[in-house]
Amino acid sequence: MKTLAVLFTFLAAGLIFFVSQSLATDQIKQNKMPENLYGIEIKKDKLHVKMLSTGCSKNEDFELIWTDKHQLTIYRSTPDKCRRVPMKKWFIFNVPKQHNNLTISNHFSDK
């Protein structure tokens, strides 16, 4: 009987840990942080943005959110799961004509 109680205690602890980890992961996905930017260029209707990648990042991995006042925030929607040393890489996005006078709310870094 004592062995059964210990077994149920371990199972309950494991279940609590699993649920808490799952909830924490969901919160991180919902509360995504703006991506740090390392450079930006605007050429015609294209936005060139330098961001970190460990080798697998593509344009589709980022979400560009525009506000009514032409403010842009860039979020990473898909994590880069490659294991290469992080490097700065240029990504190119189309800029809609209605947002040709834009403000970027992301943080910039020079390191």
PDB file of N, CA and C in Angstrom:
ATOM      1  N   MET A   1       0.819  -1.196   0.000  1.00  0.00           N
ATOM      2  CA  MET A   1       0.000   0.000   0.000  1.00  0.00           C
ATOM      3  C   MET A   1       0.870   1.271   0.000  1.00  0.00           C
ATOM      4  N   LYS A   2       1.953   1.234   0.790  1.00  0.00           N
ATOM      5  CA  LYS A   2       2.842   2.387   0.861  1.00  0.00           C
ATOM      6  C   LYS A   2       3.515   2.631  -0.491  1.00  0.00           C
ATOM      7  N   THR A   3       3.879   1.571  -1.196  1.00  0.00           N
ATOM      8  CA  THR A   3       4.501   1.680  -2.514  1.00  0.00           C
ATOM      9  C   THR A   3       3.540   2.319  -3.507  1.00  0.00           C
ATOM     10  N   LEU A   4       2.270   1.958  -3.412  1.00  0.00           N
ATOM     11  CA  LEU A   4       1.258   2.517  -4.291  1.00  0.00           C
ATOM     12  C   LEU A   4       1.078   4.021  -4.051  1.00  0.00           C
ATOM     13  N   ALA A   5       1.128   4.435  -2.789  1.00  0.00           N
ATOM     14  CA  ALA A   5       1.009   5.854  -2.449  1.00  0.00           C
ATOM     15  C   ALA A   5       2.194   6.644  -2.996  1.00  0.00           C
ATOM     16  N   VAL A   6       3.388   6.078  -2.897  1.00  0.00           N
ATOM     17  CA  VAL A   6       4.585   6.741  -3.420  1.00  0.00           C
ATOM     18  C   VAL A   6       4.490   6.852  -4.941  1.00  0.00           C
ATOM     19  N   LEU A   7       4.020   5.804  -5.592  1.00  0.00           N
ATOM     20  CA  LEU A   7       3.867   5.815  -7.044  1.00  0.00           C
ATOM     21  C   LEU A   7       2.883   6.895  -7.483  1.00  0.00           C
ATOM     22  N   PHE A   8       1.739   6.995  -6.812  1.00  0.00           N
ATOM     23  CA  PHE A   8       0.761   8.028  -7.151  1.00  0.00           C
ATOM     24  C   PHE A   8       1.312   9.427  -6.897  1.00  0.00           C
ATOM     25  N   THR A   9       2.122   9.589  -5.867  1.00  0.00           N
ATOM     26  CA  THR A   9       2.738  10.890  -5.577  1.00  0.00           C
ATOM     27  C   THR A   9       3.653  11.310  -6.731  1.00  0.00           C
ATOM     28  N   PHE A  10       4.486  10.364  -7.220  1.00  0.00           N
ATOM     29  CA  PHE A  10       5.371  10.670  -8.342  1.00  0.00           C
ATOM     30  C   PHE A  10       4.588  10.970  -9.615  1.00  0.00           C
ATOM     31  N   LEU A  11       3.529  10.218  -9.868  1.00  0.00           N
ATOM     32  CA  LEU A  11       2.703  10.465 -11.040  1.00  0.00           C
ATOM     33  C   LEU A  11       2.039  11.835 -10.972  1.00  0.00           C
ATOM     34  N   ALA A  12       1.538  12.202  -9.801  1.00  0.00           N
ATOM     35  CA  ALA A  12       0.902  13.513  -9.642  1.00  0.00           C
ATOM     36  C   ALA A  12       1.919  14.635  -9.840  1.00  0.00           C
ATOM     37  N   ALA A  13       3.120  14.468  -9.283  1.00  0.00           N
ATOM     38  CA  ALA A  13       4.162  15.489  -9.445  1.00  0.00           C
ATOM     39  C   ALA A  13       4.548  15.632 -10.916  1.00  0.00           C
ATOM     40  N   GLY A  14       4.661  14.505 -11.615  1.00  0.00           N
ATOM     41  CA  GLY A  14       4.994  14.547 -13.043  1.00  0.00           C
ATOM     42  C   GLY A  14       3.917  15.224 -13.855  1.00  0.00           C
ATOM     43  N   LEU A  15       2.659  14.952 -13.530  1.00  0.00           N
ATOM     44  CA  LEU A  15       1.550  15.579 -14.239  1.00  0.00           C
ATOM     45  C   LEU A  15       1.529  17.086 -14.003  1.00  0.00           C
ATOM     46  N   ILE A  16       1.752  17.502 -12.772  1.00  0.00           N
ATOM     47  CA  ILE A  16       1.788  18.939 -12.454  1.00  0.00           C
ATOM     48  C   ILE A  16       2.924  19.614 -13.217  1.00  0.00           C
ATOM     49  N   PHE A  17       4.102  18.979 -13.258  1.00  0.00           N
ATOM     50  CA  PHE A  17       5.239  19.545 -13.992  1.00  0.00           C
ATOM     51  C   PHE A  17       4.916  19.670 -15.475  1.00  0.00           C
ATOM     52  N   PHE A  18       4.337  18.625 -16.068  1.00  0.00           N
ATOM     53  CA  PHE A  18       4.002  18.633 -17.491  1.00  0.00           C
ATOM     54  C   PHE A  18       3.009  19.743 -17.821  1.00  0.00           C
ATOM     55  N   VAL A  19       1.968  19.887 -17.024  1.00  0.00           N
ATOM     56  CA  VAL A  19       0.954  20.920 -17.266  1.00  0.00           C
ATOM     57  C   VAL A  19       1.557  22.311 -17.118  1.00  0.00           C
ATOM     58  N   SER A  20       2.392  22.522 -16.107  1.00  0.00           N
ATOM     59  CA  SER A  20       2.986  23.854 -15.911  1.00  0.00           C
ATOM     60  C   SER A  20       3.922  24.210 -17.062  1.00  0.00           C
ATOM     61  N   GLN A  21       4.699  23.238 -17.568  1.00  0.00           N
ATOM     62  CA  GLN A  21       5.575  23.494 -18.703  1.00  0.00           C
ATOM     63  C   GLN A  21       4.768  23.823 -19.951  1.00  0.00           C
ATOM     64  N   SER A  22       3.681  23.116 -20.164  1.00  0.00           N
ATOM     65  CA  SER A  22       2.828  23.353 -21.323  1.00  0.00           C
ATOM     66  C   SER A  22       2.212  24.742 -21.269  1.00  0.00           C
ATOM     67  N   LEU A  23       1.738  25.145 -20.095  1.00  0.00           N
ATOM     68  CA  LEU A  23       1.156  26.482 -19.948  1.00  0.00           C
ATOM     69  C   LEU A  23       2.198  27.564 -20.143  1.00  0.00           C
ATOM     70  N   ALA A  24       3.420  27.354 -19.639  1.00  0.00           N
ATOM     71  CA  ALA A  24       4.482  28.342 -19.806  1.00  0.00           C
ATOM     72  C   ALA A  24       4.836  28.510 -21.274  1.00  0.00           C
ATOM     73  N   THR A  25       4.894  27.413 -22.033  1.00  0.00           N
ATOM     74  CA  THR A  25       5.195  27.487 -23.459  1.00  0.00           C
ATOM     75  C   THR A  25       4.106  28.247 -24.199  1.00  0.00           C
ATOM     76  N   ASP A  26       2.845  27.994 -23.871  1.00  0.00           N
ATOM     77  CA  ASP A  26       1.742  28.714 -24.507  1.00  0.00           C
ATOM     78  C   ASP A  26       1.815  30.203 -24.209  1.00  0.00           C
ATOM     79  N   GLN A  27       2.186  30.581 -22.991  1.00  0.00           N
ATOM     80  CA  GLN A  27       2.290  31.999 -22.646  1.00  0.00           C
ATOM     81  C   GLN A  27       3.417  32.665 -23.417  1.00  0.00           C
ATOM     82  N   ILE A  28       4.522  31.975 -23.589  1.00  0.00           N
ATOM     83  CA  ILE A  28       5.632  32.549 -24.357  1.00  0.00           C
ATOM     84  C   ILE A  28       5.196  32.793 -25.791  1.00  0.00           C
ATOM     85  N   LYS A  29       4.450  31.851 -26.386  1.00  0.00           N
ATOM     86  CA  LYS A  29       3.991  32.016 -27.760  1.00  0.00           C
ATOM     87  C   LYS A  29       3.031  33.193 -27.879  1.00  0.00           C
ATOM     88  N   GLN A  30       2.161  33.379 -26.880  1.00  0.00           N
ATOM     89  CA  GLN A  30       1.188  34.462 -26.948  1.00  0.00           C
ATOM     90  C   GLN A  30       1.828  35.815 -26.657  1.00  0.00           C
ATOM     91  N   ASN A  31       2.804  35.861 -25.784  1.00  0.00           N
ATOM     92  CA  ASN A  31       3.466  37.108 -25.395  1.00  0.00           C
ATOM     93  C   ASN A  31       4.790  37.247 -26.121  1.00  0.00           C
ATOM     94  N   LYS A  32       4.772  37.120 -27.431  1.00  0.00           N
ATOM     95  CA  LYS A  32       6.007  37.168 -28.190  1.00  0.00           C
ATOM     96  C   LYS A  32       6.637  38.546 -28.118  1.00  0.00           C
ATOM     97  N   MET A  33       7.948  38.542 -28.162  1.00  0.00           N
ATOM     98  CA  MET A  33       8.720  39.766 -28.046  1.00  0.00           C
ATOM     99  C   MET A  33       9.124  40.250 -29.438  1.00  0.00           C
ATOM    100  N   PRO A  34       9.193  41.577 -29.625  1.00  0.00           N
ATOM    101  CA  PRO A  34       9.689  42.098 -30.899  1.00  0.00           C
ATOM    102  C   PRO A  34      11.137  41.654 -31.127  1.00  0.00           C
ATOM    103  N   GLU A  35      11.465  41.371 -32.351  1.00  0.00           N
ATOM    104  CA  GLU A  35      12.803  40.907 -32.719  1.00  0.00           C
ATOM    105  C   GLU A  35      13.799  42.070 -32.638  1.00  0.00           C
ATOM    106  N   ASN A  36      15.019  41.807 -32.144  1.00  0.00           N
ATOM    107  CA  ASN A  36      16.069  42.821 -32.161  1.00  0.00           C
ATOM    108  C   ASN A  36      16.561  42.995 -33.589  1.00  0.00           C
ATOM    109  N   LEU A  37      16.784  44.232 -33.986  1.00  0.00           N
ATOM    110  CA  LEU A  37      17.238  44.542 -35.344  1.00  0.00           C
ATOM    111  C   LEU A  37      18.677  45.051 -35.295  1.00  0.00           C
ATOM    112  N   TYR A  38      19.453  44.711 -36.321  1.00  0.00           N
ATOM    113  CA  TYR A  38      20.866  45.093 -36.380  1.00  0.00           C
ATOM    114  C   TYR A  38      21.172  45.985 -37.569  1.00  0.00           C
ATOM    115  N   GLY A  39      20.185  46.249 -38.370  1.00  0.00           N
ATOM    116  CA  GLY A  39      20.347  47.136 -39.496  1.00  0.00           C
ATOM    117  C   GLY A  39      19.051  47.202 -40.270  1.00  0.00           C
ATOM    118  N   ILE A  40      18.877  48.307 -40.975  1.00  0.00           N
ATOM    119  CA  ILE A  40      17.662  48.469 -41.775  1.00  0.00           C
ATOM    120  C   ILE A  40      17.984  49.351 -42.972  1.00  0.00           C
ATOM    121  N   GLU A  41      17.437  48.990 -44.120  1.00  0.00           N
ATOM    122  CA  GLU A  41      17.551  49.795 -45.334  1.00  0.00           C
ATOM    123  C   GLU A  41      16.207  49.751 -46.047  1.00  0.00           C
ATOM    124  N   ILE A  42      15.844  50.849 -46.645  1.00  0.00           N
ATOM    125  CA  ILE A  42      14.622  50.894 -47.441  1.00  0.00           C
ATOM    126  C   ILE A  42      15.026  51.223 -48.868  1.00  0.00           C
ATOM    127  N   LYS A  43      14.703  50.324 -49.772  1.00  0.00           N
ATOM    128  CA  LYS A  43      15.040  50.497 -51.186  1.00  0.00           C
ATOM    129  C   LYS A  43      13.766  50.308 -51.980  1.00  0.00           C
ATOM    130  N   LYS A  44      13.292  51.398 -52.577  1.00  0.00           N
ATOM    131  CA  LYS A  44      12.032  51.418 -53.327  1.00  0.00           C
ATOM    132  C   LYS A  44      10.914  50.916 -52.424  1.00  0.00           C
ATOM    133  N   ASP A  45      10.264  49.828 -52.768  1.00  0.00           N
ATOM    134  CA  ASP A  45       9.172  49.318 -51.944  1.00  0.00           C
ATOM    135  C   ASP A  45       9.589  48.080 -51.148  1.00  0.00           C
ATOM    136  N   LYS A  46      10.897  47.934 -50.907  1.00  0.00           N
ATOM    137  CA  LYS A  46      11.443  46.781 -50.171  1.00  0.00           C
ATOM    138  C   LYS A  46      12.080  47.249 -48.869  1.00  0.00           C
ATOM    139  N   LEU A  47      11.815  46.501 -47.819  1.00  0.00           N
ATOM    140  CA  LEU A  47      12.398  46.758 -46.506  1.00  0.00           C
ATOM    141  C   LEU A  47      13.440  45.678 -46.249  1.00  0.00           C
ATOM    142  N   HIS A  48      14.710  46.070 -46.114  1.00  0.00           N
ATOM    143  CA  HIS A  48      15.806  45.156 -45.836  1.00  0.00           C
ATOM    144  C   HIS A  48      16.114  45.272 -44.348  1.00  0.00           C
ATOM    145  N   VAL A  49      16.006  44.153 -43.637  1.00  0.00           N
ATOM    146  CA  VAL A  49      16.198  44.165 -42.188  1.00  0.00           C
ATOM    147  C   VAL A  49      17.230  43.111 -41.811  1.00  0.00           C
ATOM    148  N   LYS A  50      18.221  43.509 -40.995  1.00  0.00           N
ATOM    149  CA  LYS A  50      19.246  42.580 -40.538  1.00  0.00           C
ATOM    150  C   LYS A  50      18.848  42.075 -39.149  1.00  0.00           C
ATOM    151  N   MET A  51      18.712  40.732 -39.030  1.00  0.00           N
ATOM    152  CA  MET A  51      18.337  40.104 -37.761  1.00  0.00           C
ATOM    153  C   MET A  51      19.198  38.869 -37.544  1.00  0.00           C
ATOM    154  N   LEU A  52      19.164  38.329 -36.328  1.00  0.00           N
ATOM    155  CA  LEU A  52      19.948  37.138 -36.014  1.00  0.00           C
ATOM    156  C   LEU A  52      19.293  35.880 -36.557  1.00  0.00           C
ATOM    157  N   SER A  53      20.142  34.949 -36.988  1.00  0.00           N
ATOM    158  CA  SER A  53      19.701  33.634 -37.444  1.00  0.00           C
ATOM    159  C   SER A  53      20.762  32.618 -37.041  1.00  0.00           C
ATOM    160  N   THR A  54      20.318  31.407 -36.742  1.00  0.00           N
ATOM    161  CA  THR A  54      21.279  30.330 -36.507  1.00  0.00           C
ATOM    162  C   THR A  54      21.291  29.361 -37.684  1.00  0.00           C
ATOM    163  N   GLY A  55      20.808  29.820 -38.827  1.00  0.00           N
ATOM    164  CA  GLY A  55      20.954  29.053 -40.044  1.00  0.00           C
ATOM    165  C   GLY A  55      19.679  28.661 -40.753  1.00  0.00           C
ATOM    166  N   CYS A  56      18.553  28.663 -40.085  1.00  0.00           N
ATOM    167  CA  CYS A  56      17.319  28.167 -40.717  1.00  0.00           C
ATOM    168  C   CYS A  56      16.246  29.246 -40.890  1.00  0.00           C
ATOM    169  N   SER A  57      16.502  30.473 -40.502  1.00  0.00           N
ATOM    170  CA  SER A  57      15.473  31.516 -40.584  1.00  0.00           C
ATOM    171  C   SER A  57      15.179  31.879 -42.032  1.00  0.00           C
ATOM    172  N   LYS A  58      13.882  32.074 -42.298  1.00  0.00           N
ATOM    173  CA  LYS A  58      13.414  32.510 -43.619  1.00  0.00           C
ATOM    174  C   LYS A  58      12.458  33.679 -43.404  1.00  0.00           C
ATOM    175  N   ASN A  59      12.141  34.384 -44.467  1.00  0.00           N
ATOM    176  CA  ASN A  59      11.196  35.504 -44.365  1.00  0.00           C
ATOM    177  C   ASN A  59       9.872  35.071 -43.741  1.00  0.00           C
ATOM    178  N   GLU A  60       9.429  33.865 -44.073  1.00  0.00           N
ATOM    179  CA  GLU A  60       8.148  33.369 -43.584  1.00  0.00           C
ATOM    180  C   GLU A  60       8.135  33.159 -42.074  1.00  0.00           C
ATOM    181  N   ASP A  61       9.310  33.164 -41.440  1.00  0.00           N
ATOM    182  CA  ASP A  61       9.410  32.954 -39.993  1.00  0.00           C
ATOM    183  C   ASP A  61       9.147  34.223 -39.199  1.00  0.00           C
ATOM    184  N   PHE A  62       8.911  35.326 -39.893  1.00  0.00           N
ATOM    185  CA  PHE A  62       8.699  36.600 -39.227  1.00  0.00           C
ATOM    186  C   PHE A  62       7.306  37.138 -39.539  1.00  0.00           C
ATOM    187  N   GLU A  63       6.759  37.843 -38.573  1.00  0.00           N
ATOM    188  CA  GLU A  63       5.437  38.451 -38.728  1.00  0.00           C
ATOM    189  C   GLU A  63       5.602  39.964 -38.631  1.00  0.00           C
ATOM    190  N   LEU A  64       5.135  40.669 -39.637  1.00  0.00           N
ATOM    191  CA  LEU A  64       5.183  42.130 -39.651  1.00  0.00           C
ATOM    192  C   LEU A  64       3.805  42.653 -39.270  1.00  0.00           C
ATOM    193  N   ILE A  65       3.742  43.383 -38.174  1.00  0.00           N
ATOM    194  CA  ILE A  65       2.480  43.930 -37.681  1.00  0.00           C
ATOM    195  C   ILE A  65       2.503  45.439 -37.893  1.00  0.00           C
ATOM    196  N   TRP A  66       1.534  45.951 -38.648  1.00  0.00           N
ATOM    197  CA  TRP A  66       1.412  47.374 -38.947  1.00  0.00           C
ATOM    198  C   TRP A  66       0.268  47.957 -38.120  1.00  0.00           C
ATOM    199  N   THR A  67       0.459  49.156 -37.586  1.00  0.00           N
ATOM    200  CA  THR A  67      -0.633  49.858 -36.927  1.00  0.00           C
ATOM    201  C   THR A  67      -1.201  50.883 -37.901  1.00  0.00           C
ATOM    202  N   ASP A  68      -2.277  51.529 -37.490  1.00  0.00           N
ATOM    203  CA  ASP A  68      -2.912  52.539 -38.337  1.00  0.00           C
ATOM    204  C   ASP A  68      -1.994  53.722 -38.618  1.00  0.00           C
ATOM    205  N   LYS A  69      -1.073  53.982 -37.727  1.00  0.00           N
ATOM    206  CA  LYS A  69      -0.215  55.162 -37.860  1.00  0.00           C
ATOM    207  C   LYS A  69       1.120  54.818 -38.509  1.00  0.00           C
ATOM    208  N   HIS A  70       1.145  53.769 -39.333  1.00  0.00           N
ATOM    209  CA  HIS A  70       2.328  53.367 -40.091  1.00  0.00           C
ATOM    210  C   HIS A  70       3.475  52.908 -39.202  1.00  0.00           C
ATOM    211  N   GLN A  71       3.146  52.401 -38.014  1.00  0.00           N
ATOM    212  CA  GLN A  71       4.178  51.872 -37.133  1.00  0.00           C
ATOM    213  C   GLN A  71       4.305  50.375 -37.372  1.00  0.00           C
ATOM    214  N   LEU A  72       5.541  49.917 -37.556  1.00  0.00           N
ATOM    215  CA  LEU A  72       5.824  48.517 -37.849  1.00  0.00           C
ATOM    216  C   LEU A  72       6.538  47.880 -36.669  1.00  0.00           C
ATOM    217  N   THR A  73       6.110  46.670 -36.318  1.00  0.00           N
ATOM    218  CA  THR A  73       6.812  45.842 -35.337  1.00  0.00           C
ATOM    219  C   THR A  73       7.021  44.476 -35.982  1.00  0.00           C
ATOM    220  N   ILE A  74       8.257  43.976 -35.886  1.00  0.00           N
ATOM    221  CA  ILE A  74       8.598  42.683 -36.474  1.00  0.00           C
ATOM    222  C   ILE A  74       8.760  41.668 -35.348  1.00  0.00           C
ATOM    223  N   TYR A  75       8.017  40.571 -35.476  1.00  0.00           N
ATOM    224  CA  TYR A  75       8.065  39.482 -34.498  1.00  0.00           C
ATOM    225  C   TYR A  75       8.537  38.212 -35.191  1.00  0.00           C
ATOM    226  N   ARG A  76       9.219  37.366 -34.441  1.00  0.00           N
ATOM    227  CA  ARG A  76       9.564  36.035 -34.953  1.00  0.00           C
ATOM    228  C   ARG A  76       8.393  35.115 -34.633  1.00  0.00           C
ATOM    229  N   SER A  77       7.789  34.526 -35.651  1.00  0.00           N
ATOM    230  CA  SER A  77       6.646  33.640 -35.443  1.00  0.00           C
ATOM    231  C   SER A  77       7.054  32.173 -35.378  1.00  0.00           C
ATOM    232  N   THR A  78       8.215  31.825 -35.949  1.00  0.00           N
ATOM    233  CA  THR A  78       8.715  30.452 -35.928  1.00  0.00           C
ATOM    234  C   THR A  78      10.155  30.476 -35.428  1.00  0.00           C
ATOM    235  N   PRO A  79      10.449  29.723 -34.371  1.00  0.00           N
ATOM    236  CA  PRO A  79      11.829  29.732 -33.863  1.00  0.00           C
ATOM    237  C   PRO A  79      12.802  29.104 -34.856  1.00  0.00           C
ATOM    238  N   ASP A  80      14.023  29.574 -34.829  1.00  0.00           N
ATOM    239  CA  ASP A  80      15.105  29.031 -35.650  1.00  0.00           C
ATOM    240  C   ASP A  80      15.736  27.889 -34.850  1.00  0.00           C
ATOM    241  N   LYS A  81      15.514  26.652 -35.291  1.00  0.00           N
ATOM    242  CA  LYS A  81      15.963  25.497 -34.520  1.00  0.00           C
ATOM    243  C   LYS A  81      17.301  24.929 -34.986  1.00  0.00           C
ATOM    244  N   CYS A  82      17.968  25.610 -35.903  1.00  0.00           N
ATOM    245  CA  CYS A  82      19.302  25.166 -36.306  1.00  0.00           C
ATOM    246  C   CYS A  82      20.285  25.457 -35.181  1.00  0.00           C
ATOM    247  N   ARG A  83      21.436  24.814 -35.245  1.00  0.00           N
ATOM    248  CA  ARG A  83      22.397  24.923 -34.142  1.00  0.00           C
ATOM    249  C   ARG A  83      23.674  25.658 -34.511  1.00  0.00           C
ATOM    250  N   ARG A  84      23.672  26.348 -35.625  1.00  0.00           N
ATOM    251  CA  ARG A  84      24.845  27.098 -36.045  1.00  0.00           C
ATOM    252  C   ARG A  84      25.064  28.282 -35.100  1.00  0.00           C
ATOM    253  N   VAL A  85      26.252  28.809 -35.097  1.00  0.00           N
ATOM    254  CA  VAL A  85      26.544  30.013 -34.316  1.00  0.00           C
ATOM    255  C   VAL A  85      25.659  31.140 -34.846  1.00  0.00           C
ATOM    256  N   PRO A  86      25.004  31.906 -33.961  1.00  0.00           N
ATOM    257  CA  PRO A  86      24.137  32.990 -34.443  1.00  0.00           C
ATOM    258  C   PRO A  86      24.910  33.965 -35.330  1.00  0.00           C
ATOM    259  N   MET A  87      24.269  34.344 -36.432  1.00  0.00           N
ATOM    260  CA  MET A  87      24.874  35.290 -37.364  1.00  0.00           C
ATOM    261  C   MET A  87      23.818  36.311 -37.768  1.00  0.00           C
ATOM    262  N   LYS A  88      24.276  37.460 -38.197  1.00  0.00           N
ATOM    263  CA  LYS A  88      23.355  38.494 -38.669  1.00  0.00           C
ATOM    264  C   LYS A  88      23.086  38.264 -40.148  1.00  0.00           C
ATOM    265  N   LYS A  89      21.810  38.273 -40.506  1.00  0.00           N
ATOM    266  CA  LYS A  89      21.407  37.969 -41.871  1.00  0.00           C
ATOM    267  C   LYS A  89      20.374  39.003 -42.325  1.00  0.00           C
ATOM    268  N   TRP A  90      20.434  39.379 -43.593  1.00  0.00           N
ATOM    269  CA  TRP A  90      19.475  40.321 -44.161  1.00  0.00           C
ATOM    270  C   TRP A  90      18.227  39.577 -44.621  1.00  0.00           C
ATOM    271  N   PHE A  91      17.078  40.106 -44.273  1.00  0.00           N
ATOM    272  CA  PHE A  91      15.791  39.605 -44.731  1.00  0.00           C
ATOM    273  C   PHE A  91      15.108  40.730 -45.492  1.00  0.00           C
ATOM    274  N   ILE A  92      14.417  40.405 -46.579  1.00  0.00           N
ATOM    275  CA  ILE A  92      13.798  41.424 -47.427  1.00  0.00           C
ATOM    276  C   ILE A  92      12.288  41.214 -47.436  1.00  0.00           C
ATOM    277  N   PHE A  93      11.562  42.295 -47.134  1.00  0.00           N
ATOM    278  CA  PHE A  93      10.103  42.266 -47.077  1.00  0.00           C
ATOM    279  C   PHE A  93       9.536  43.347 -47.985  1.00  0.00           C
ATOM    280  N   ASN A  94       8.363  43.094 -48.535  1.00  0.00           N
ATOM    281  CA  ASN A  94       7.638  44.107 -49.300  1.00  0.00           C
ATOM    282  C   ASN A  94       6.999  45.098 -48.341  1.00  0.00           C
ATOM    283  N   VAL A  95       7.009  46.359 -48.722  1.00  0.00           N
ATOM    284  CA  VAL A  95       6.346  47.400 -47.928  1.00  0.00           C
ATOM    285  C   VAL A  95       5.114  47.851 -48.702  1.00  0.00           C
ATOM    286  N   PRO A  96       3.927  47.679 -48.128  1.00  0.00           N
ATOM    287  CA  PRO A  96       2.720  48.159 -48.816  1.00  0.00           C
ATOM    288  C   PRO A  96       2.803  49.666 -49.053  1.00  0.00           C
ATOM    289  N   LYS A  97       2.278  50.126 -50.181  1.00  0.00           N
ATOM    290  CA  LYS A  97       2.373  51.549 -50.536  1.00  0.00           C
ATOM    291  C   LYS A  97       1.764  52.463 -49.479  1.00  0.00           C
ATOM    292  N   GLN A  98       0.723  52.009 -48.776  1.00  0.00           N
ATOM    293  CA  GLN A  98       0.102  52.868 -47.761  1.00  0.00           C
ATOM    294  C   GLN A  98       1.009  53.056 -46.543  1.00  0.00           C
ATOM    295  N   HIS A  99       2.096  52.273 -46.449  1.00  0.00           N
ATOM    296  CA  HIS A  99       3.012  52.385 -45.306  1.00  0.00           C
ATOM    297  C   HIS A  99       4.391  52.884 -45.723  1.00  0.00           C
ATOM    298  N   ASN A 100       4.475  53.699 -46.770  1.00  0.00           N
ATOM    299  CA  ASN A 100       5.794  54.139 -47.218  1.00  0.00           C
ATOM    300  C   ASN A 100       6.436  55.167 -46.287  1.00  0.00           C
ATOM    301  N   ASN A 101       5.685  55.744 -45.364  1.00  0.00           N
ATOM    302  CA  ASN A 101       6.233  56.622 -44.334  1.00  0.00           C
ATOM    303  C   ASN A 101       6.101  55.864 -43.013  1.00  0.00           C
ATOM    304  N   LEU A 102       7.108  55.050 -42.674  1.00  0.00           N
ATOM    305  CA  LEU A 102       6.946  54.138 -41.548  1.00  0.00           C
ATOM    306  C   LEU A 102       7.840  54.468 -40.368  1.00  0.00           C
ATOM    307  N   THR A 103       7.422  53.978 -39.207  1.00  0.00           N
ATOM    308  CA  THR A 103       8.186  54.049 -37.975  1.00  0.00           C
ATOM    309  C   THR A 103       8.344  52.622 -37.474  1.00  0.00           C
ATOM    310  N   ILE A 104       9.539  52.257 -37.028  1.00  0.00           N
ATOM    311  CA  ILE A 104       9.777  50.892 -36.550  1.00  0.00           C
ATOM    312  C   ILE A 104       9.897  50.922 -35.031  1.00  0.00           C
ATOM    313  N   SER A 105       9.136  50.051 -34.378  1.00  0.00           N
ATOM    314  CA  SER A 105       9.119  50.047 -32.906  1.00  0.00           C
ATOM    315  C   SER A 105      10.070  49.018 -32.300  1.00  0.00           C
ATOM    316  N   ASN A 106      10.714  48.200 -33.111  1.00  0.00           N
ATOM    317  CA  ASN A 106      11.667  47.214 -32.589  1.00  0.00           C
ATOM    318  C   ASN A 106      12.890  47.913 -32.009  1.00  0.00           C
ATOM    319  N   HIS A 107      13.610  47.191 -31.149  1.00  0.00           N
ATOM    320  CA  HIS A 107      14.854  47.702 -30.604  1.00  0.00           C
ATOM    321  C   HIS A 107      15.983  47.451 -31.604  1.00  0.00           C
ATOM    322  N   PHE A 108      16.921  48.380 -31.649  1.00  0.00           N
ATOM    323  CA  PHE A 108      18.095  48.235 -32.508  1.00  0.00           C
ATOM    324  C   PHE A 108      19.304  47.948 -31.641  1.00  0.00           C
ATOM    325  N   SER A 109      20.214  47.139 -32.164  1.00  0.00           N
ATOM    326  CA  SER A 109      21.441  46.783 -31.441  1.00  0.00           C
ATOM    327  C   SER A 109      22.607  46.875 -32.397  1.00  0.00           C
ATOM    328  N   ASP A 110      23.777  47.174 -31.867  1.00  0.00           N
ATOM    329  CA  ASP A 110      24.968  47.223 -32.698  1.00  0.00           C
ATOM    330  C   ASP A 110      25.942  46.107 -32.343  1.00  0.00           C
ATOM    331  N   LYS A 111      25.516  45.181 -31.485  1.00  0.00           N
ATOM    332  CA  LYS A 111      26.409  44.089 -31.052  1.00  0.00           C
ATOM    333  C   LYS A 111      25.988  42.779 -31.609  1.00  0.00           C
TER     334      LYS A 111
END
